PDB file of N, CA and C in Angstrom:
ATOM      1  N   MET A   1      94.072 114.816 112.598  1.00  0.00           N
ATOM      2  CA  MET A   1      94.331 113.808 113.173  1.00  0.00           C
ATOM      3  C   MET A   1      93.748 113.213 114.602  1.00  0.00           C
ATOM      4  N   GLY A   2      93.191 112.482 115.029  1.00  0.00           N
ATOM      5  CA  GLY A   2      91.617 112.486 116.391  1.00  0.00           C
ATOM      6  C   GLY A   2      91.232 113.277 116.821  1.00  0.00           C
ATOM      7  N   ALA A   3      90.406 114.104 115.045  1.00  0.00           N
ATOM      8  CA  ALA A   3      89.168 114.120 114.483  1.00  0.00           C
ATOM      9  C   ALA A   3      88.033 112.574 113.525  1.00  0.00           C
ATOM     10  N   PRO A   4      87.223 112.537 113.723  1.00  0.00           N
ATOM     11  CA  PRO A   4      86.197 111.678 113.096  1.00  0.00           C
ATOM     12  C   PRO A   4      87.114 112.001 110.794  1.00  0.00           C
ATOM     13  N   ALA A   5      87.168 110.957 110.368  1.00  0.00           N
ATOM     14  CA  ALA A   5      87.125 111.646 108.428  1.00  0.00           C
ATOM     15  C   ALA A   5      86.367 110.339 107.831  1.00  0.00           C
ATOM     16  N   CYS A   6      85.947 110.464 107.156  1.00  0.00           N
ATOM     17  CA  CYS A   6      85.129 110.792 105.711  1.00  0.00           C
ATOM     18  C   CYS A   6      85.377 110.076 105.008  1.00  0.00           C
ATOM     19  N   ILE A   7      85.441 109.342 104.641  1.00  0.00           N
ATOM     20  CA  ILE A   7      86.829 109.124 103.748  1.00  0.00           C
ATOM     21  C   ILE A   7      85.796 108.435 101.810  1.00  0.00           C
ATOM     22  N   GLU A   8      86.345 108.360 100.887  1.00  0.00           N
ATOM     23  CA  GLU A   8      85.485 108.079  99.374  1.00  0.00           C
ATOM     24  C   GLU A   8      86.902 108.032  98.599  1.00  0.00           C
ATOM     25  N   SER A   9      86.346 106.282  98.280  1.00  0.00           N
ATOM     26  CA  SER A   9      87.424 106.538  96.919  1.00  0.00           C
ATOM     27  C   SER A   9      87.605 105.327  96.406  1.00  0.00           C
ATOM     28  N   ASP A  10      87.091 105.317  94.900  1.00  0.00           N
ATOM     29  CA  ASP A  10      87.344 104.129  94.256  1.00  0.00           C
ATOM     30  C   ASP A  10      87.971 103.189  93.458  1.00  0.00           C
ATOM     31  N   CYS A  11      87.287 102.396  93.262  1.00  0.00           N
ATOM     32  CA  CYS A  11      88.340 100.564  93.532  1.00  0.00           C
ATOM     33  C   CYS A  11      89.219 101.031  92.515  1.00  0.00           C
ATOM     34  N   PRO A  12      90.132 101.000  92.345  1.00  0.00           N
ATOM     35  CA  PRO A  12      90.430 100.809  91.210  1.00  0.00           C
ATOM     36  C   PRO A  12      91.067  99.183  90.333  1.00  0.00           C
ATOM     37  N   ILE A  13      90.158  98.279  90.743  1.00  0.00           N
ATOM     38  CA  ILE A  13      89.787  97.112  90.236  1.00  0.00           C
ATOM     39  C   ILE A  13      87.779  97.300  89.013  1.00  0.00           C
ATOM     40  N   THR A  14      87.061  97.368  90.606  1.00  0.00           N
ATOM     41  CA  THR A  14      86.106  97.928  90.230  1.00  0.00           C
ATOM     42  C   THR A  14      85.872  98.753  89.253  1.00  0.00           C
ATOM     43  N   GLY A  15      86.430 100.048  90.020  1.00  0.00           N
ATOM     44  CA  GLY A  15      84.955 101.028  89.491  1.00  0.00           C
ATOM     45  C   GLY A  15      84.519 101.259  90.989  1.00  0.00           C
ATOM     46  N   THR A  16      83.748 100.930  91.495  1.00  0.00           N
ATOM     47  CA  THR A  16      83.181 100.884  93.039  1.00  0.00           C
ATOM     48  C   THR A  16      83.401 101.366  93.444  1.00  0.00           C
ATOM     49  N   THR A  17      82.660 102.241  94.298  1.00  0.00           N
ATOM     50  CA  THR A  17      83.585 103.768  95.180  1.00  0.00           C
ATOM     51  C   THR A  17      83.200 103.257  96.515  1.00  0.00           C
ATOM     52  N   VAL A  18      84.185 103.256  97.369  1.00  0.00           N
ATOM     53  CA  VAL A  18      83.776 102.315  98.904  1.00  0.00           C
ATOM     54  C   VAL A  18      83.932 104.241 100.336  1.00  0.00           C
ATOM     55  N   ARG A  19      83.033 104.301 101.110  1.00  0.00           N
ATOM     56  CA  ARG A  19      82.980 104.769 101.178  1.00  0.00           C
ATOM     57  C   ARG A  19      83.000 104.074 103.015  1.00  0.00           C
ATOM     58  N   LEU A  20      83.604 105.327 104.157  1.00  0.00           N
ATOM     59  CA  LEU A  20      83.776 104.594 105.222  1.00  0.00           C
ATOM     60  C   LEU A  20      84.298 105.977 106.248  1.00  0.00           C
ATOM     61  N   THR A  21      83.531 106.116 107.283  1.00  0.00           N
ATOM     62  CA  THR A  21      84.177 107.225 108.349  1.00  0.00           C
ATOM     63  C   THR A  21      85.291 106.146 109.338  1.00  0.00           C
ATOM     64  N   ILE A  22      85.712 106.571 109.214  1.00  0.00           N
ATOM     65  CA  ILE A  22      86.826 106.599 110.765  1.00  0.00           C
ATOM     66  C   ILE A  22      86.465 107.217 111.509  1.00  0.00           C
ATOM     67  N   ASP A  23      87.163 106.612 112.973  1.00  0.00           N
ATOM     68  CA  ASP A  23      86.730 107.453 114.142  1.00  0.00           C
ATOM     69  C   ASP A  23      87.860 106.567 115.169  1.00  0.00           C
ATOM     70  N   PRO A  24      88.668 108.071 115.460  1.00  0.00           N
ATOM     71  CA  PRO A  24      89.616 107.630 116.860  1.00  0.00           C
ATOM     72  C   PRO A  24      89.485 106.929 117.454  1.00  0.00           C
ATOM     73  N   VAL A  25      88.036 106.868 118.290  1.00  0.00           N
ATOM     74  CA  VAL A  25      87.482 106.508 119.190  1.00  0.00           C
ATOM     75  C   VAL A  25      86.622 105.666 119.027  1.00  0.00           C
ATOM     76  N   THR A  26      85.999 105.206 118.066  1.00  0.00           N
ATOM     77  CA  THR A  26      85.190 104.240 117.713  1.00  0.00           C
ATOM     78  C   THR A  26      85.195 103.864 116.398  1.00  0.00           C
ATOM     79  N   GLY A  27      86.252 103.672 115.407  1.00  0.00           N
ATOM     80  CA  GLY A  27      86.659 103.008 114.664  1.00  0.00           C
ATOM     81  C   GLY A  27      86.164 103.050 112.941  1.00  0.00           C
ATOM     82  N   VAL A  28      85.892 102.550 112.260  1.00  0.00           N
ATOM     83  CA  VAL A  28      85.204 102.299 110.829  1.00  0.00           C
ATOM     84  C   VAL A  28      83.573 102.134 112.068  1.00  0.00           C
ATOM     85  N   SER A  29      83.103 103.349 110.795  1.00  0.00           N
ATOM     86  CA  SER A  29      81.130 102.707 110.752  1.00  0.00           C
ATOM     87  C   SER A  29      80.485 103.224 108.955  1.00  0.00           C
ATOM     88  N   ASP A  30      79.457 102.876 108.474  1.00  0.00           N
ATOM     89  CA  ASP A  30      79.227 103.317 107.663  1.00  0.00           C
ATOM     90  C   ASP A  30      79.576 102.800 106.167  1.00  0.00           C
ATOM     91  N   LEU A  31      81.038 101.718 106.466  1.00  0.00           N
ATOM     92  CA  LEU A  31      81.740 100.781 105.460  1.00  0.00           C
ATOM     93  C   LEU A  31      80.111 100.176 104.460  1.00  0.00           C
ATOM     94  N   GLU A  32      80.336 101.491 103.523  1.00  0.00           N
ATOM     95  CA  GLU A  32      79.914 100.843 101.939  1.00  0.00           C
ATOM     96  C   GLU A  32      81.106 100.699 100.541  1.00  0.00           C
ATOM     97  N   PRO A  33      80.990  99.486  99.546  1.00  0.00           N
ATOM     98  CA  PRO A  33      80.315  98.424 100.379  1.00  0.00           C
ATOM     99  C   PRO A  33      80.844  97.497 101.912  1.00  0.00           C
ATOM    100  N   ALA A  34      79.800  96.859 102.075  1.00  0.00           N
ATOM    101  CA  ALA A  34      80.147  95.144 103.884  1.00  0.00           C
ATOM    102  C   ALA A  34      81.848  95.380 103.339  1.00  0.00           C
ATOM    103  N   THR A  35      81.782  94.214 101.961  1.00  0.00           N
ATOM    104  CA  THR A  35      82.968  93.896 101.962  1.00  0.00           C
ATOM    105  C   THR A  35      84.394  94.751 100.782  1.00  0.00           C
ATOM    106  N   ALA A  36      84.157  96.059 101.801  1.00  0.00           N
ATOM    107  CA  ALA A  36      85.448  96.283 101.670  1.00  0.00           C
ATOM    108  C   ALA A  36      86.893  96.035 101.431  1.00  0.00           C
ATOM    109  N   MET A  37      87.972  96.183 101.068  1.00  0.00           N
ATOM    110  CA  MET A  37      88.863  95.202 101.575  1.00  0.00           C
ATOM    111  C   MET A  37      89.980  96.630 101.365  1.00  0.00           C
ATOM    112  N   VAL A  38      91.505  95.848 102.476  1.00  0.00           N
ATOM    113  CA  VAL A  38      92.145  97.712 101.687  1.00  0.00           C
ATOM    114  C   VAL A  38      93.586  97.009 101.365  1.00  0.00           C
ATOM    115  N   ALA A  39      93.995  97.409 100.923  1.00  0.00           N
ATOM    116  CA  ALA A  39      95.578  96.428 100.761  1.00  0.00           C
ATOM    117  C   ALA A  39      96.744  97.865 101.353  1.00  0.00           C
ATOM    118  N   PHE A  40      97.264  96.742 102.377  1.00  0.00           N
ATOM    119  CA  PHE A  40      98.943  97.853 102.898  1.00  0.00           C
ATOM    120  C   PHE A  40      99.733  96.811 101.964  1.00  0.00           C
ATOM    121  N   VAL A  41     100.975  97.993 101.839  1.00  0.00           N
ATOM    122  CA  VAL A  41     102.308  97.877 101.317  1.00  0.00           C
ATOM    123  C   VAL A  41     103.387  97.140 102.787  1.00  0.00           C
ATOM    124  N   ASP A  42     103.478  95.779 101.844  1.00  0.00           N
ATOM    125  CA  ASP A  42     105.238  95.232 102.619  1.00  0.00           C
ATOM    126  C   ASP A  42     105.970  95.844 103.684  1.00  0.00           C
ATOM    127  N   PRO A  43     106.393  96.694 103.929  1.00  0.00           N
ATOM    128  CA  PRO A  43     107.412  97.228 105.129  1.00  0.00           C
ATOM    129  C   PRO A  43     108.704  96.925 104.147  1.00  0.00           C
ATOM    130  N   ASP A  44     108.963  96.067 103.466  1.00  0.00           N
ATOM    131  CA  ASP A  44     110.231  95.489 103.673  1.00  0.00           C
ATOM    132  C   ASP A  44     110.157  96.014 101.912  1.00  0.00           C
ATOM    133  N   ARG A  45     109.388  96.376 100.923  1.00  0.00           N
ATOM    134  CA  ARG A  45     108.469  96.460 100.302  1.00  0.00           C
ATOM    135  C   ARG A  45     109.236  98.478  99.039  1.00  0.00           C
ATOM    136  N   ILE A  46     109.034  99.102 100.639  1.00  0.00           N
ATOM    137  CA  ILE A  46     109.092 100.981 100.606  1.00  0.00           C
ATOM    138  C   ILE A  46     110.906 100.868 100.489  1.00  0.00           C
ATOM    139  N   GLN A  47     110.780 101.345  99.279  1.00  0.00           N
ATOM    140  CA  GLN A  47     112.450 102.087  99.108  1.00  0.00           C
ATOM    141  C   GLN A  47     111.968 103.465  99.400  1.00  0.00           C
ATOM    142  N   PRO A  48     112.840 103.883  99.771  1.00  0.00           N
ATOM    143  CA  PRO A  48     113.883 104.853 100.080  1.00  0.00           C
ATOM    144  C   PRO A  48     113.809 106.487  98.831  1.00  0.00           C
ATOM    145  N   GLY A  49     113.006 106.933  99.278  1.00  0.00           N
ATOM    146  CA  GLY A  49     113.696 108.292  97.751  1.00  0.00           C
ATOM    147  C   GLY A  49     112.624 107.514  97.150  1.00  0.00           C
ATOM    148  N   HIS A  50     111.885 106.582  96.860  1.00  0.00           N
ATOM    149  CA  HIS A  50     110.635 106.243  96.027  1.00  0.00           C
ATOM    150  C   HIS A  50     109.363 106.102  97.167  1.00  0.00           C
ATOM    151  N   LEU A  51     109.114 107.231  98.505  1.00  0.00           N
ATOM    152  CA  LEU A  51     107.740 106.246  99.176  1.00  0.00           C
ATOM    153  C   LEU A  51     106.466 107.207  98.170  1.00  0.00           C
ATOM    154  N   ARG A  52     106.366 108.093  97.586  1.00  0.00           N
ATOM    155  CA  ARG A  52     105.275 107.658  97.291  1.00  0.00           C
ATOM    156  C   ARG A  52     105.066 106.806  96.050  1.00  0.00           C
ATOM    157  N   ALA A  53     105.670 106.984  94.541  1.00  0.00           N
ATOM    158  CA  ALA A  53     105.567 105.012  94.420  1.00  0.00           C
ATOM    159  C   ALA A  53     105.356 104.245  95.194  1.00  0.00           C
ATOM    160  N   THR A  54     105.639 103.610  95.974  1.00  0.00           N
ATOM    161  CA  THR A  54     106.485 102.396  96.463  1.00  0.00           C
ATOM    162  C   THR A  54     105.100 102.130  97.525  1.00  0.00           C
ATOM    163  N   CYS A  55     105.207 103.504  98.397  1.00  0.00           N
ATOM    164  CA  CYS A  55     103.931 102.674  99.770  1.00  0.00           C
ATOM    165  C   CYS A  55     102.348 103.919  99.440  1.00  0.00           C
ATOM    166  N   CYS A  56     103.083 104.643  99.177  1.00  0.00           N
ATOM    167  CA  CYS A  56     101.398 105.451  98.967  1.00  0.00           C
ATOM    168  C   CYS A  56     100.534 104.985  97.918  1.00  0.00           C
ATOM    169  N   ASN A  57     101.031 105.576  96.841  1.00  0.00           N
ATOM    170  CA  ASN A  57     100.126 105.107  95.591  1.00  0.00           C
ATOM    171  C   ASN A  57     100.387 103.504  94.721  1.00  0.00           C
ATOM    172  N   PRO A  58     100.841 102.169  95.473  1.00  0.00           N
ATOM    173  CA  PRO A  58      99.963 101.172  95.430  1.00  0.00           C
ATOM    174  C   PRO A  58      98.221 101.057  96.756  1.00  0.00           C
ATOM    175  N   GLN A  59      98.220 101.956  97.821  1.00  0.00           N
ATOM    176  CA  GLN A  59      97.451 100.873  99.137  1.00  0.00           C
ATOM    177  C   GLN A  59      96.424 101.875  98.792  1.00  0.00           C
ATOM    178  N   MET A  60      95.564 100.837  98.745  1.00  0.00           N
ATOM    179  CA  MET A  60      93.890 100.865  98.267  1.00  0.00           C
ATOM    180  C   MET A  60      92.963 100.554  99.123  1.00  0.00           C
ATOM    181  N   PHE A  61      91.408 101.015  98.472  1.00  0.00           N
ATOM    182  CA  PHE A  61      90.696 100.375  99.434  1.00  0.00           C
ATOM    183  C   PHE A  61      90.164  99.306  97.960  1.00  0.00           C
ATOM    184  N   LEU A  62      89.241  98.509  97.723  1.00  0.00           N
ATOM    185  CA  LEU A  62      88.698  98.004  96.660  1.00  0.00           C
ATOM    186  C   LEU A  62      87.526  96.961  98.060  1.00  0.00           C
ATOM    187  N   ALA A  63      86.858  97.247  96.429  1.00  0.00           N
ATOM    188  CA  ALA A  63      85.170  97.107  96.689  1.00  0.00           C
ATOM    189  C   ALA A  63      85.076  94.770  97.528  1.00  0.00           C
ATOM    190  N   THR A  64      86.006  94.762  97.032  1.00  0.00           N
ATOM    191  CA  THR A  64      85.791  92.804  97.115  1.00  0.00           C
ATOM    192  C   THR A  64      86.800  92.554  97.145  1.00  0.00           C
ATOM    193  N   SER A  65      86.868  90.807  97.599  1.00  0.00           N
ATOM    194  CA  SER A  65      87.806  90.076  98.307  1.00  0.00           C
ATOM    195  C   SER A  65      88.628  90.272  97.451  1.00  0.00           C
ATOM    196  N   ASP A  66      87.591  89.229  95.737  1.00  0.00           N
ATOM    197  CA  ASP A  66      88.222  89.149  94.620  1.00  0.00           C
ATOM    198  C   ASP A  66      88.688  90.617  93.685  1.00  0.00           C
ATOM    199  N   ALA A  67      88.319  91.736  94.099  1.00  0.00           N
ATOM    200  CA  ALA A  67      89.545  92.450  94.055  1.00  0.00           C
ATOM    201  C   ALA A  67      90.583  92.887  94.450  1.00  0.00           C
ATOM    202  N   ALA A  68      90.205  92.863  95.607  1.00  0.00           N
ATOM    203  CA  ALA A  68      91.920  92.118  95.701  1.00  0.00           C
ATOM    204  C   ALA A  68      92.677  91.705  95.634  1.00  0.00           C
ATOM    205  N   HIS A  69      92.554  90.643  95.739  1.00  0.00           N
ATOM    206  CA  HIS A  69      92.963  89.304  94.842  1.00  0.00           C
ATOM    207  C   HIS A  69      93.576  89.063  93.614  1.00  0.00           C
ATOM    208  N   HIS A  70      92.862  90.625  92.999  1.00  0.00           N
ATOM    209  CA  HIS A  70      93.067  91.148  91.659  1.00  0.00           C
ATOM    210  C   HIS A  70      94.656  92.675  91.970  1.00  0.00           C
ATOM    211  N   TRP A  71      94.642  93.087  92.819  1.00  0.00           N
ATOM    212  CA  TRP A  71      95.526  94.192  93.428  1.00  0.00           C
ATOM    213  C   TRP A  71      96.679  93.292  93.622  1.00  0.00           C
ATOM    214  N   GLN A  72      96.642  92.566  94.206  1.00  0.00           N
ATOM    215  CA  GLN A  72      97.650  91.766  94.702  1.00  0.00           C
ATOM    216  C   GLN A  72      98.849  91.219  93.507  1.00  0.00           C
ATOM    217  N   ALA A  73      97.286  90.651  92.608  1.00  0.00           N
ATOM    218  CA  ALA A  73      98.848  89.803  91.686  1.00  0.00           C
ATOM    219  C   ALA A  73      98.957  91.468  90.970  1.00  0.00           C
ATOM    220  N   LYS A  74      98.927  92.120  90.333  1.00  0.00           N
ATOM    221  CA  LYS A  74      99.066  93.616  89.782  1.00  0.00           C
ATOM    222  C   LYS A  74     100.425  93.484  91.318  1.00  0.00           C
ATOM    223  N   PHE A  75     100.364  94.332  92.037  1.00  0.00           N
ATOM    224  CA  PHE A  75     101.597  94.701  92.945  1.00  0.00           C
ATOM    225  C   PHE A  75     101.566  93.451  93.822  1.00  0.00           C
ATOM    226  N   PRO A  76     102.621  92.573  93.906  1.00  0.00           N
ATOM    227  CA  PRO A  76     103.134  91.234  94.627  1.00  0.00           C
ATOM    228  C   PRO A  76     103.908  92.315  95.846  1.00  0.00           C
ATOM    229  N   GLY A  77     103.346  91.240  97.119  1.00  0.00           N
ATOM    230  CA  GLY A  77     103.976  92.123  98.414  1.00  0.00           C
ATOM    231  C   GLY A  77     102.809  92.537  99.209  1.00  0.00           C
ATOM    232  N   MET A  78     100.967  92.657  98.980  1.00  0.00           N
ATOM    233  CA  MET A  78     100.727  93.518  99.590  1.00  0.00           C
ATOM    234  C   MET A  78     100.226  92.885 100.649  1.00  0.00           C
ATOM    235  N   THR A  79      99.031  93.132 101.282  1.00  0.00           N
ATOM    236  CA  THR A  79      98.463  92.791 102.714  1.00  0.00           C
ATOM    237  C   THR A  79      97.428  92.850 102.005  1.00  0.00           C
ATOM    238  N   VAL A  80      96.430  92.784 101.915  1.00  0.00           N
ATOM    239  CA  VAL A  80      94.929  93.422 101.848  1.00  0.00           C
ATOM    240  C   VAL A  80      94.208  92.619 103.018  1.00  0.00           C
ATOM    241  N   LEU A  81      92.933  93.157 103.987  1.00  0.00           N
ATOM    242  CA  LEU A  81      92.590  92.849 105.543  1.00  0.00           C
ATOM    243  C   LEU A  81      91.083  93.657 104.551  1.00  0.00           C
ATOM    244  N   PRO A  82      89.995  92.836 104.998  1.00  0.00           N
ATOM    245  CA  PRO A  82      89.456  93.831 105.920  1.00  0.00           C
ATOM    246  C   PRO A  82      89.156  94.357 106.527  1.00  0.00           C
ATOM    247  N   VAL A  83      87.756  96.103 105.601  1.00  0.00           N
ATOM    248  CA  VAL A  83      88.515  97.342 106.453  1.00  0.00           C
ATOM    249  C   VAL A  83      89.185  98.146 108.211  1.00  0.00           C
ATOM    250  N   THR A  84      87.729  96.926 108.610  1.00  0.00           N
ATOM    251  CA  THR A  84      87.291  97.375 109.855  1.00  0.00           C
ATOM    252  C   THR A  84      88.692  96.189 110.279  1.00  0.00           C
ATOM    253  N   ASP A  85      89.093  94.957 110.023  1.00  0.00           N
ATOM    254  CA  ASP A  85      90.693  94.657 110.665  1.00  0.00           C
ATOM    255  C   ASP A  85      92.259  95.774 110.512  1.00  0.00           C
ATOM    256  N   ALA A  86      91.923  95.981 109.201  1.00  0.00           N
ATOM    257  CA  ALA A  86      92.563  96.532 108.615  1.00  0.00           C
ATOM    258  C   ALA A  86      93.115  98.371 109.953  1.00  0.00           C
ATOM    259  N   TYR A  87      91.682  98.205 110.185  1.00  0.00           N
ATOM    260  CA  TYR A  87      92.175  99.682 111.137  1.00  0.00           C
ATOM    261  C   TYR A  87      92.795  99.398 112.451  1.00  0.00           C
ATOM    262  N   HIS A  88      92.250  98.037 113.291  1.00  0.00           N
ATOM    263  CA  HIS A  88      92.960  97.815 114.409  1.00  0.00           C
ATOM    264  C   HIS A  88      93.744  97.252 114.254  1.00  0.00           C
ATOM    265  N   GLN A  89      94.340  96.292 113.528  1.00  0.00           N
ATOM    266  CA  GLN A  89      96.122  96.141 113.573  1.00  0.00           C
ATOM    267  C   GLN A  89      96.667  96.710 112.607  1.00  0.00           C
ATOM    268  N   LEU A  90      96.514  97.910 112.268  1.00  0.00           N
ATOM    269  CA  LEU A  90      97.808  98.399 111.432  1.00  0.00           C
ATOM    270  C   LEU A  90      97.052  99.923 110.975  1.00  0.00           C
ATOM    271  N   ALA A  91      96.130 100.278 110.487  1.00  0.00           N
ATOM    272  CA  ALA A  91      96.663 101.797 110.730  1.00  0.00           C
ATOM    273  C   ALA A  91      95.828 102.500 112.566  1.00  0.00           C
ATOM    274  N   ARG A  92      95.448 102.137 113.281  1.00  0.00           N
ATOM    275  CA  ARG A  92      95.381 102.495 114.745  1.00  0.00           C
ATOM    276  C   ARG A  92      96.356 102.914 114.903  1.00  0.00           C
ATOM    277  N   PRO A  93      97.024 101.643 115.654  1.00  0.00           N
ATOM    278  CA  PRO A  93      98.906 101.419 116.109  1.00  0.00           C
ATOM    279  C   PRO A  93      99.419 102.378 115.254  1.00  0.00           C
ATOM    280  N   LEU A  94      99.561 102.593 113.584  1.00  0.00           N
ATOM    281  CA  LEU A  94      99.970 103.655 113.150  1.00  0.00           C
ATOM    282  C   LEU A  94     100.137 105.186 113.151  1.00  0.00           C
ATOM    283  N   ALA A  95      99.009 105.401 113.741  1.00  0.00           N
ATOM    284  CA  ALA A  95      98.885 106.368 113.991  1.00  0.00           C
ATOM    285  C   ALA A  95      98.885 107.298 115.587  1.00  0.00           C
ATOM    286  N   ASP A  96      98.861 106.110 116.161  1.00  0.00           N
ATOM    287  CA  ASP A  96      99.328 106.275 117.027  1.00  0.00           C
ATOM    288  C   ASP A  96     100.917 106.291 117.499  1.00  0.00           C
ATOM    289  N   ALA A  97     101.660 105.411 116.970  1.00  0.00           N
ATOM    290  CA  ALA A  97     102.782 105.879 116.469  1.00  0.00           C
ATOM    291  C   ALA A  97     103.311 107.389 116.621  1.00  0.00           C
ATOM    292  N   ILE A  98     102.777 108.243 114.828  1.00  0.00           N
ATOM    293  CA  ILE A  98     103.135 108.489 114.443  1.00  0.00           C
ATOM    294  C   ILE A  98     102.745 109.720 115.263  1.00  0.00           C
ATOM    295  N   THR A  99     101.591 109.873 116.155  1.00  0.00           N
ATOM    296  CA  THR A  99     101.558 111.068 117.228  1.00  0.00           C
ATOM    297  C   THR A  99     101.753 111.478 118.213  1.00  0.00           C
ATOM    298  N   ASP A 100     102.668 109.977 118.942  1.00  0.00           N
ATOM    299  CA  ASP A 100     102.811 109.851 119.993  1.00  0.00           C
ATOM    300  C   ASP A 100     104.568 110.823 120.844  1.00  0.00           C
ATOM    301  N   PRO A 101     103.610 111.541 120.474  1.00  0.00           N
ATOM    302  CA  PRO A 101     105.691 112.677 121.667  1.00  0.00           C
ATOM    303  C   PRO A 101     106.291 112.155 122.450  1.00  0.00           C
ATOM    304  N   THR A 102     106.103 111.216 122.651  1.00  0.00           N
ATOM    305  CA  THR A 102     107.411 110.238 123.000  1.00  0.00           C
ATOM    306  C   THR A 102     107.547 109.277 122.152  1.00  0.00           C
ATOM    307  N   THR A 103     107.948 109.296 120.608  1.00  0.00           N
ATOM    308  CA  THR A 103     108.555 108.330 120.341  1.00  0.00           C
ATOM    309  C   THR A 103     109.164 109.240 118.883  1.00  0.00           C
ATOM    310  N   THR A 104     110.927 108.801 118.554  1.00  0.00           N
ATOM    311  CA  THR A 104     111.981 109.182 118.425  1.00  0.00           C
ATOM    312  C   THR A 104     111.124 110.229 116.733  1.00  0.00           C
ATOM    313  N   THR A 105     109.843 108.957 116.293  1.00  0.00           N
ATOM    314  CA  THR A 105     109.254 109.576 114.960  1.00  0.00           C
ATOM    315  C   THR A 105     108.181 110.994 114.985  1.00  0.00           C
ATOM    316  N   GLY A 106     107.551 111.538 116.260  1.00  0.00           N
ATOM    317  CA  GLY A 106     106.924 113.177 116.451  1.00  0.00           C
ATOM    318  C   GLY A 106     105.808 112.862 114.912  1.00  0.00           C
ATOM    319  N   THR A 107     105.632 113.062 114.747  1.00  0.00           N
ATOM    320  CA  THR A 107     105.711 114.544 113.787  1.00  0.00           C
ATOM    321  C   THR A 107     105.359 113.969 112.161  1.00  0.00           C
ATOM    322  N   SER A 108     106.960 113.784 112.590  1.00  0.00           N
ATOM    323  CA  SER A 108     107.869 114.221 111.111  1.00  0.00           C
ATOM    324  C   SER A 108     107.865 113.132 110.529  1.00  0.00           C
ATOM    325  N   ALA A 109     107.369 111.318 111.061  1.00  0.00           N
ATOM    326  CA  ALA A 109     107.516 110.401 110.304  1.00  0.00           C
ATOM    327  C   ALA A 109     106.230 110.939 108.579  1.00  0.00           C
ATOM    328  N   CYS A 110     105.495 111.787 108.942  1.00  0.00           N
ATOM    329  CA  CYS A 110     104.625 111.679 107.776  1.00  0.00           C
ATOM    330  C   CYS A 110     104.449 112.438 106.737  1.00  0.00           C
ATOM    331  N   CYS A 111     104.346 111.474 105.335  1.00  0.00           N
ATOM    332  CA  CYS A 111     104.619 112.430 104.621  1.00  0.00           C
ATOM    333  C   CYS A 111     103.956 113.221 104.142  1.00  0.00           C
TER     334      CYS A 111
END
């Protein structure tokens, strides 16, 4: 954390490769396709003891909003947002909370 990261992930619906760079200072860049969405699980649906299956596995990058709606049908309760919106609304605040040494969470919250 704290450094830029290049991400490549195949959309589970279309098979299209989603590519982007995330930088903790500048945010999302080099997003392909520009229509890409990301699915986040509703925190109320996370099952302790089954973190990977109920939180990590269903969170995906999706090539289009249509693919995202198909993913939501397969995994009810998912929130889907355009990648840039998700970064600002969810991912950046979560990363800040996980790495904030003044919280009780600290870095141990991440799997």
